[in-house]
Amino acid sequence: IGWFRQVPGEEREGISCMSASGMNTKYIE
C-alpha cells in the first residue's frame, strides 16, 4: 500500500509505503 501527494505543477510523489507483509515501510525524509 502507498500514500502519495501532489501539489499543483509538481509530480505526484510517494511519501509513505508499506509492503504486503507489513514488515517493511518507507517514508520520504
PDB file of all heavy atoms in Angstrom:
ATOM      1  N   ILE A   1       0.849  -1.186   0.000  1.00  0.00           N
ATOM      2  CA  ILE A   1       0.000   0.000   0.000  1.00  0.00           C
ATOM      3  C   ILE A   1       0.888   1.240   0.000  1.00  0.00           C
ATOM      4  O   ILE A   1       2.030   1.199   0.469  1.00  0.00           O
ATOM      5  CB  ILE A   1      -0.949   0.039   1.218  1.00  0.00           C
ATOM      6  CG1 ILE A   1      -0.165  -0.033   2.535  1.00  0.00           C
ATOM      7  CG2 ILE A   1      -1.973  -1.085   1.132  1.00  0.00           C
ATOM      8  CD1 ILE A   1      -1.022   0.115   3.786  1.00  0.00           C
ATOM      9  N   GLY A   2       0.347   2.325  -0.501  1.00  0.00           N
ATOM     10  CA  GLY A   2       1.137   3.540  -0.539  1.00  0.00           C
ATOM     11  C   GLY A   2       0.282   4.785  -0.423  1.00  0.00           C
ATOM     12  O   GLY A   2      -0.892   4.792  -0.786  1.00  0.00           O
ATOM     13  N   TRP A   3       0.885   5.825   0.115  1.00  0.00           N
ATOM     14  CA  TRP A   3       0.297   7.161   0.141  1.00  0.00           C
ATOM     15  C   TRP A   3       1.185   8.089  -0.679  1.00  0.00           C
ATOM     16  O   TRP A   3       2.412   8.097  -0.520  1.00  0.00           O
ATOM     17  CB  TRP A   3       0.177   7.683   1.572  1.00  0.00           C
ATOM     18  CG  TRP A   3      -0.914   7.040   2.351  1.00  0.00           C
ATOM     19  CD1 TRP A   3      -0.814   5.986   3.212  1.00  0.00           C
ATOM     20  CD2 TRP A   3      -2.302   7.407   2.346  1.00  0.00           C
ATOM     21  NE1 TRP A   3      -2.038   5.665   3.731  1.00  0.00           N
ATOM     22  CE2 TRP A   3      -2.983   6.529   3.218  1.00  0.00           C
ATOM     23  CE3 TRP A   3      -3.048   8.388   1.682  1.00  0.00           C
ATOM     24  CZ2 TRP A   3      -4.350   6.603   3.460  1.00  0.00           C
ATOM     25  CZ3 TRP A   3      -4.416   8.464   1.912  1.00  0.00           C
ATOM     26  CH2 TRP A   3      -5.047   7.579   2.789  1.00  0.00           C
ATOM     27  N   PHE A   4       0.551   8.855  -1.516  1.00  0.00           N
ATOM     28  CA  PHE A   4       1.237   9.789  -2.401  1.00  0.00           C
ATOM     29  C   PHE A   4       0.623  11.170  -2.209  1.00  0.00           C
ATOM     30  O   PHE A   4      -0.499  11.292  -1.714  1.00  0.00           O
ATOM     31  CB  PHE A   4       1.082   9.348  -3.855  1.00  0.00           C
ATOM     32  CG  PHE A   4       1.745   8.036  -4.175  1.00  0.00           C
ATOM     33  CD1 PHE A   4       1.183   6.837  -3.740  1.00  0.00           C
ATOM     34  CD2 PHE A   4       2.915   7.983  -4.895  1.00  0.00           C
ATOM     35  CE1 PHE A   4       1.790   5.618  -4.026  1.00  0.00           C
ATOM     36  CE2 PHE A   4       3.533   6.779  -5.190  1.00  0.00           C
ATOM     37  CZ  PHE A   4       2.962   5.595  -4.745  1.00  0.00           C
ATOM     38  N   ARG A   5       1.353  12.191  -2.621  1.00  0.00           N
ATOM     39  CA  ARG A   5       0.782  13.532  -2.583  1.00  0.00           C
ATOM     40  C   ARG A   5       1.242  14.315  -3.798  1.00  0.00           C
ATOM     41  O   ARG A   5       2.282  14.018  -4.395  1.00  0.00           O
ATOM     42  CB  ARG A   5       1.133  14.260  -1.290  1.00  0.00           C
ATOM     43  CG  ARG A   5       2.598  14.638  -1.118  1.00  0.00           C
ATOM     44  CD  ARG A   5       2.821  15.226   0.270  1.00  0.00           C
ATOM     45  NE  ARG A   5       4.212  15.597   0.472  1.00  0.00           N
ATOM     46  CZ  ARG A   5       4.716  15.979   1.651  1.00  0.00           C
ATOM     47  NH1 ARG A   5       3.940  16.023   2.735  1.00  0.00           N
ATOM     48  NH2 ARG A   5       5.984  16.313   1.750  1.00  0.00           N
ATOM     49  N   GLN A   6       0.445  15.318  -4.109  1.00  0.00           N
ATOM     50  CA  GLN A   6       0.739  16.127  -5.290  1.00  0.00           C
ATOM     51  C   GLN A   6       0.301  17.554  -5.060  1.00  0.00           C
ATOM     52  O   GLN A   6      -0.796  17.811  -4.565  1.00  0.00           O
ATOM     53  CB  GLN A   6       0.025  15.544  -6.518  1.00  0.00           C
ATOM     54  CG  GLN A   6       0.412  16.187  -7.828  1.00  0.00           C
ATOM     55  CD  GLN A   6      -0.145  15.436  -9.020  1.00  0.00           C
ATOM     56  OE1 GLN A   6      -1.142  14.720  -8.920  1.00  0.00           O
ATOM     57  NE2 GLN A   6       0.495  15.582 -10.176  1.00  0.00           N
ATOM     58  N   VAL A   7       1.182  18.480  -5.411  1.00  0.00           N
ATOM     59  CA  VAL A   7       0.840  19.896  -5.397  1.00  0.00           C
ATOM     60  C   VAL A   7       0.784  20.374  -6.837  1.00  0.00           C
ATOM     61  O   VAL A   7       1.421  19.784  -7.719  1.00  0.00           O
ATOM     62  CB  VAL A   7       1.850  20.722  -4.576  1.00  0.00           C
ATOM     63  CG1 VAL A   7       1.843  20.268  -3.131  1.00  0.00           C
ATOM     64  CG2 VAL A   7       3.253  20.615  -5.160  1.00  0.00           C
ATOM     65  N   PRO A   8       0.023  21.427  -7.098  1.00  0.00           N
ATOM     66  CA  PRO A   8      -0.109  21.900  -8.482  1.00  0.00           C
ATOM     67  C   PRO A   8       1.247  22.200  -9.122  1.00  0.00           C
ATOM     68  O   PRO A   8       2.110  22.822  -8.496  1.00  0.00           O
ATOM     69  CB  PRO A   8      -0.939  23.184  -8.324  1.00  0.00           C
ATOM     70  CG  PRO A   8      -1.735  22.945  -7.094  1.00  0.00           C
ATOM     71  CD  PRO A   8      -0.835  22.174  -6.182  1.00  0.00           C
ATOM     72  N   GLY A   9       1.429  21.722 -10.341  1.00  0.00           N
ATOM     73  CA  GLY A   9       2.659  21.982 -11.069  1.00  0.00           C
ATOM     74  C   GLY A   9       3.799  21.040 -10.770  1.00  0.00           C
ATOM     75  O   GLY A   9       4.876  21.172 -11.352  1.00  0.00           O
ATOM     76  N   GLU A  10       3.555  20.107  -9.844  1.00  0.00           N
ATOM     77  CA  GLU A  10       4.619  19.172  -9.498  1.00  0.00           C
ATOM     78  C   GLU A  10       4.157  17.737  -9.723  1.00  0.00           C
ATOM     79  O   GLU A  10       2.973  17.456  -9.806  1.00  0.00           O
ATOM     80  CB  GLU A  10       5.047  19.358  -8.042  1.00  0.00           C
ATOM     81  CG  GLU A  10       5.665  20.714  -7.767  1.00  0.00           C
ATOM     82  CD  GLU A  10       6.201  20.837  -6.350  1.00  0.00           C
ATOM     83  OE1 GLU A  10       6.359  19.801  -5.676  1.00  0.00           O
ATOM     84  OE2 GLU A  10       6.472  21.974  -5.931  1.00  0.00           O
ATOM     85  N   GLU A  11       5.118  16.845  -9.781  1.00  0.00           N
ATOM     86  CA  GLU A  11       4.794  15.436  -9.956  1.00  0.00           C
ATOM     87  C   GLU A  11       4.265  14.842  -8.652  1.00  0.00           C
ATOM     88  O   GLU A  11       4.622  15.294  -7.567  1.00  0.00           O
ATOM     89  CB  GLU A  11       6.043  14.663 -10.405  1.00  0.00           C
ATOM     90  CG  GLU A  11       6.500  14.989 -11.809  1.00  0.00           C
ATOM     91  CD  GLU A  11       7.619  14.078 -12.264  1.00  0.00           C
ATOM     92  OE1 GLU A  11       8.080  13.246 -11.468  1.00  0.00           O
ATOM     93  OE2 GLU A  11       8.034  14.214 -13.430  1.00  0.00           O
ATOM     94  N   ARG A  12       3.440  13.832  -8.804  1.00  0.00           N
ATOM     95  CA  ARG A  12       2.971  13.100  -7.644  1.00  0.00           C
ATOM     96  C   ARG A  12       4.140  12.315  -7.056  1.00  0.00           C
ATOM     97  O   ARG A  12       4.906  11.695  -7.792  1.00  0.00           O
ATOM     98  CB  ARG A  12       1.852  12.138  -8.058  1.00  0.00           C
ATOM     99  CG  ARG A  12       1.064  11.546  -6.945  1.00  0.00           C
ATOM    100  CD  ARG A  12      -0.141  10.783  -7.465  1.00  0.00           C
ATOM    101  NE  ARG A  12      -1.069  11.641  -8.190  1.00  0.00           N
ATOM    102  CZ  ARG A  12      -2.242  11.230  -8.662  1.00  0.00           C
ATOM    103  NH1 ARG A  12      -2.621   9.966  -8.485  1.00  0.00           N
ATOM    104  NH2 ARG A  12      -3.024  12.052  -9.321  1.00  0.00           N
ATOM    105  N   GLU A  13       4.273  12.366  -5.729  1.00  0.00           N
ATOM    106  CA  GLU A  13       5.399  11.680  -5.088  1.00  0.00           C
ATOM    107  C   GLU A  13       4.909  10.707  -4.024  1.00  0.00           C
ATOM    108  O   GLU A  13       3.945  10.967  -3.316  1.00  0.00           O
ATOM    109  CB  GLU A  13       6.371  12.686  -4.469  1.00  0.00           C
ATOM    110  CG  GLU A  13       5.804  13.490  -3.315  1.00  0.00           C
ATOM    111  CD  GLU A  13       6.847  14.316  -2.568  1.00  0.00           C
ATOM    112  OE1 GLU A  13       8.057  14.043  -2.739  1.00  0.00           O
ATOM    113  OE2 GLU A  13       6.455  15.222  -1.806  1.00  0.00           O
ATOM    114  N   GLY A  14       5.614   9.608  -3.923  1.00  0.00           N
ATOM    115  CA  GLY A  14       5.319   8.632  -2.888  1.00  0.00           C
ATOM    116  C   GLY A  14       5.909   9.100  -1.578  1.00  0.00           C
ATOM    117  O   GLY A  14       7.099   9.408  -1.507  1.00  0.00           O
ATOM    118  N   ILE A  15       5.111   9.172  -0.533  1.00  0.00           N
ATOM    119  CA  ILE A  15       5.609   9.678   0.738  1.00  0.00           C
ATOM    120  C   ILE A  15       5.685   8.606   1.808  1.00  0.00           C
ATOM    121  O   ILE A  15       6.502   8.697   2.727  1.00  0.00           O
ATOM    122  CB  ILE A  15       4.765  10.866   1.246  1.00  0.00           C
ATOM    123  CG1 ILE A  15       3.292  10.469   1.404  1.00  0.00           C
ATOM    124  CG2 ILE A  15       4.914  12.054   0.323  1.00  0.00           C
ATOM    125  CD1 ILE A  15       2.477  11.499   2.158  1.00  0.00           C
ATOM    126  N   SER A  16       4.840   7.593   1.725  1.00  0.00           N
ATOM    127  CA  SER A  16       4.859   6.552   2.731  1.00  0.00           C
ATOM    128  C   SER A  16       4.253   5.293   2.143  1.00  0.00           C
ATOM    129  O   SER A  16       3.151   5.342   1.593  1.00  0.00           O
ATOM    130  CB  SER A  16       4.054   6.999   3.957  1.00  0.00           C
ATOM    131  OG  SER A  16       4.059   5.986   4.943  1.00  0.00           O
ATOM    132  N   CYS A  17       4.963   4.183   2.271  1.00  0.00           N
ATOM    133  CA  CYS A  17       4.512   2.943   1.660  1.00  0.00           C
ATOM    134  C   CYS A  17       4.808   1.766   2.585  1.00  0.00           C
ATOM    135  O   CYS A  17       5.713   1.844   3.430  1.00  0.00           O
ATOM    136  CB  CYS A  17       5.195   2.734   0.308  1.00  0.00           C
ATOM    137  SG  CYS A  17       4.918   4.098  -0.848  1.00  0.00           S
ATOM    138  N   MET A  18       4.030   0.722   2.427  1.00  0.00           N
ATOM    139  CA  MET A  18       4.185  -0.461   3.274  1.00  0.00           C
ATOM    140  C   MET A  18       4.107  -1.703   2.398  1.00  0.00           C
ATOM    141  O   MET A  18       3.270  -1.787   1.501  1.00  0.00           O
ATOM    142  CB  MET A  18       3.091  -0.486   4.336  1.00  0.00           C
ATOM    143  CG  MET A  18       3.104  -1.713   5.251  1.00  0.00           C
ATOM    144  SD  MET A  18       1.725  -1.705   6.417  1.00  0.00           S
ATOM    145  CE  MET A  18       2.336  -0.517   7.620  1.00  0.00           C
ATOM    146  N   SER A  19       4.949  -2.663   2.698  1.00  0.00           N
ATOM    147  CA  SER A  19       4.928  -3.912   1.936  1.00  0.00           C
ATOM    148  C   SER A  19       3.685  -4.729   2.271  1.00  0.00           C
ATOM    149  O   SER A  19       3.023  -4.490   3.292  1.00  0.00           O
ATOM    150  CB  SER A  19       6.183  -4.726   2.257  1.00  0.00           C
ATOM    151  OG  SER A  19       6.202  -5.072   3.632  1.00  0.00           O
ATOM    152  N   ALA A  20       3.387  -5.699   1.457  1.00  0.00           N
ATOM    153  CA  ALA A  20       2.206  -6.541   1.668  1.00  0.00           C
ATOM    154  C   ALA A  20       2.265  -7.259   3.013  1.00  0.00           C
ATOM    155  O   ALA A  20       1.250  -7.413   3.699  1.00  0.00           O
ATOM    156  CB  ALA A  20       2.081  -7.544   0.527  1.00  0.00           C
ATOM    157  N   SER A  21       3.450  -7.675   3.400  1.00  0.00           N
ATOM    158  CA  SER A  21       3.599  -8.376   4.671  1.00  0.00           C
ATOM    159  C   SER A  21       3.450  -7.443   5.862  1.00  0.00           C
ATOM    160  O   SER A  21       3.218  -7.890   6.984  1.00  0.00           O
ATOM    161  CB  SER A  21       4.979  -9.040   4.735  1.00  0.00           C
ATOM    162  OG  SER A  21       6.000  -8.056   4.816  1.00  0.00           O
ATOM    163  N   GLY A  22       3.620  -6.154   5.611  1.00  0.00           N
ATOM    164  CA  GLY A  22       3.607  -5.191   6.705  1.00  0.00           C
ATOM    165  C   GLY A  22       4.947  -5.061   7.408  1.00  0.00           C
ATOM    166  O   GLY A  22       5.118  -4.229   8.302  1.00  0.00           O
ATOM    167  N   MET A  23       5.917  -5.862   6.971  1.00  0.00           N
ATOM    168  CA  MET A  23       7.214  -5.869   7.651  1.00  0.00           C
ATOM    169  C   MET A  23       8.105  -4.710   7.239  1.00  0.00           C
ATOM    170  O   MET A  23       9.032  -4.350   7.957  1.00  0.00           O
ATOM    171  CB  MET A  23       7.937  -7.184   7.330  1.00  0.00           C
ATOM    172  CG  MET A  23       7.236  -8.423   7.854  1.00  0.00           C
ATOM    173  SD  MET A  23       7.275  -8.505   9.652  1.00  0.00           S
ATOM    174  CE  MET A  23       9.007  -8.862   9.913  1.00  0.00           C
ATOM    175  N   ASN A  24       7.845  -4.144   6.081  1.00  0.00           N
ATOM    176  CA  ASN A  24       8.691  -3.063   5.575  1.00  0.00           C
ATOM    177  C   ASN A  24       7.868  -1.815   5.306  1.00  0.00           C
ATOM    178  O   ASN A  24       6.799  -1.882   4.707  1.00  0.00           O
ATOM    179  CB  ASN A  24       9.382  -3.489   4.280  1.00  0.00           C
ATOM    180  CG  ASN A  24      10.304  -4.666   4.486  1.00  0.00           C
ATOM    181  OD1 ASN A  24      11.249  -4.587   5.257  1.00  0.00           O
ATOM    182  ND2 ASN A  24      10.022  -5.768   3.807  1.00  0.00           N
ATOM    183  N   THR A  25       8.383  -0.685   5.762  1.00  0.00           N
ATOM    184  CA  THR A  25       7.766   0.596   5.471  1.00  0.00           C
ATOM    185  C   THR A  25       8.823   1.549   4.920  1.00  0.00           C
ATOM    186  O   THR A  25      10.023   1.363   5.151  1.00  0.00           O
ATOM    187  CB  THR A  25       7.136   1.230   6.722  1.00  0.00           C
ATOM    188  OG1 THR A  25       8.132   1.349   7.746  1.00  0.00           O
ATOM    189  CG2 THR A  25       5.977   0.394   7.233  1.00  0.00           C
ATOM    190  N   LYS A  26       8.347   2.531   4.225  1.00  0.00           N
ATOM    191  CA  LYS A  26       9.248   3.502   3.626  1.00  0.00           C
ATOM    192  C   LYS A  26       8.620   4.878   3.753  1.00  0.00           C
ATOM    193  O   LYS A  26       7.417   5.035   3.540  1.00  0.00           O
ATOM    194  CB  LYS A  26       9.463   3.155   2.151  1.00  0.00           C
ATOM    195  CG  LYS A  26      10.718   3.700   1.537  1.00  0.00           C
ATOM    196  CD  LYS A  26      10.952   3.068   0.159  1.00  0.00           C
ATOM    197  CE  LYS A  26      12.340   3.386  -0.348  1.00  0.00           C
ATOM    198  NZ  LYS A  26      12.583   2.794  -1.672  1.00  0.00           N
ATOM    199  N   TYR A  27       9.429   5.857   4.116  1.00  0.00           N
ATOM    200  CA  TYR A  27       8.974   7.237   4.251  1.00  0.00           C
ATOM    201  C   TYR A  27       9.984   8.146   3.582  1.00  0.00           C
ATOM    202  O   TYR A  27      11.196   7.920   3.671  1.00  0.00           O
ATOM    203  CB  TYR A  27       8.862   7.651   5.723  1.00  0.00           C
ATOM    204  CG  TYR A  27       7.857   6.878   6.534  1.00  0.00           C
ATOM    205  CD1 TYR A  27       8.217   5.708   7.196  1.00  0.00           C
ATOM    206  CD2 TYR A  27       6.550   7.324   6.657  1.00  0.00           C
ATOM    207  CE1 TYR A  27       7.291   5.001   7.952  1.00  0.00           C
ATOM    208  CE2 TYR A  27       5.618   6.631   7.416  1.00  0.00           C
ATOM    209  CZ  TYR A  27       5.996   5.470   8.054  1.00  0.00           C
ATOM    210  OH  TYR A  27       5.083   4.765   8.802  1.00  0.00           O
ATOM    211  N   ILE A  28       9.480   9.211   2.970  1.00  0.00           N
ATOM    212  CA  ILE A  28      10.421  10.218   2.495  1.00  0.00           C
ATOM    213  C   ILE A  28      10.947  10.973   3.707  1.00  0.00           C
ATOM    214  O   ILE A  28      10.307  11.041   4.762  1.00  0.00           O
ATOM    215  CB  ILE A  28       9.785  11.190   1.483  1.00  0.00           C
ATOM    216  CG1 ILE A  28       8.584  11.928   2.089  1.00  0.00           C
ATOM    217  CG2 ILE A  28       9.413  10.460   0.216  1.00  0.00           C
ATOM    218  CD1 ILE A  28       8.080  13.063   1.220  1.00  0.00           C
ATOM    219  N   GLU A  29      12.128  11.529   3.549  1.00  0.00           N
ATOM    220  CA  GLU A  29      12.835  12.133   4.674  1.00  0.00           C
ATOM    221  C   GLU A  29      12.010  13.216   5.366  1.00  0.00           C
ATOM    222  O   GLU A  29      12.008  13.312   6.598  1.00  0.00           O
ATOM    223  CB  GLU A  29      14.164  12.700   4.188  1.00  0.00           C
ATOM    224  CG  GLU A  29      15.142  13.028   5.288  1.00  0.00           C
ATOM    225  CD  GLU A  29      15.566  11.802   6.081  1.00  0.00           C
ATOM    226  OE1 GLU A  29      15.698  10.714   5.474  1.00  0.00           O
ATOM    227  OE2 GLU A  29      15.750  11.929   7.301  1.00  0.00           O
TER     228      GLU A  29
END
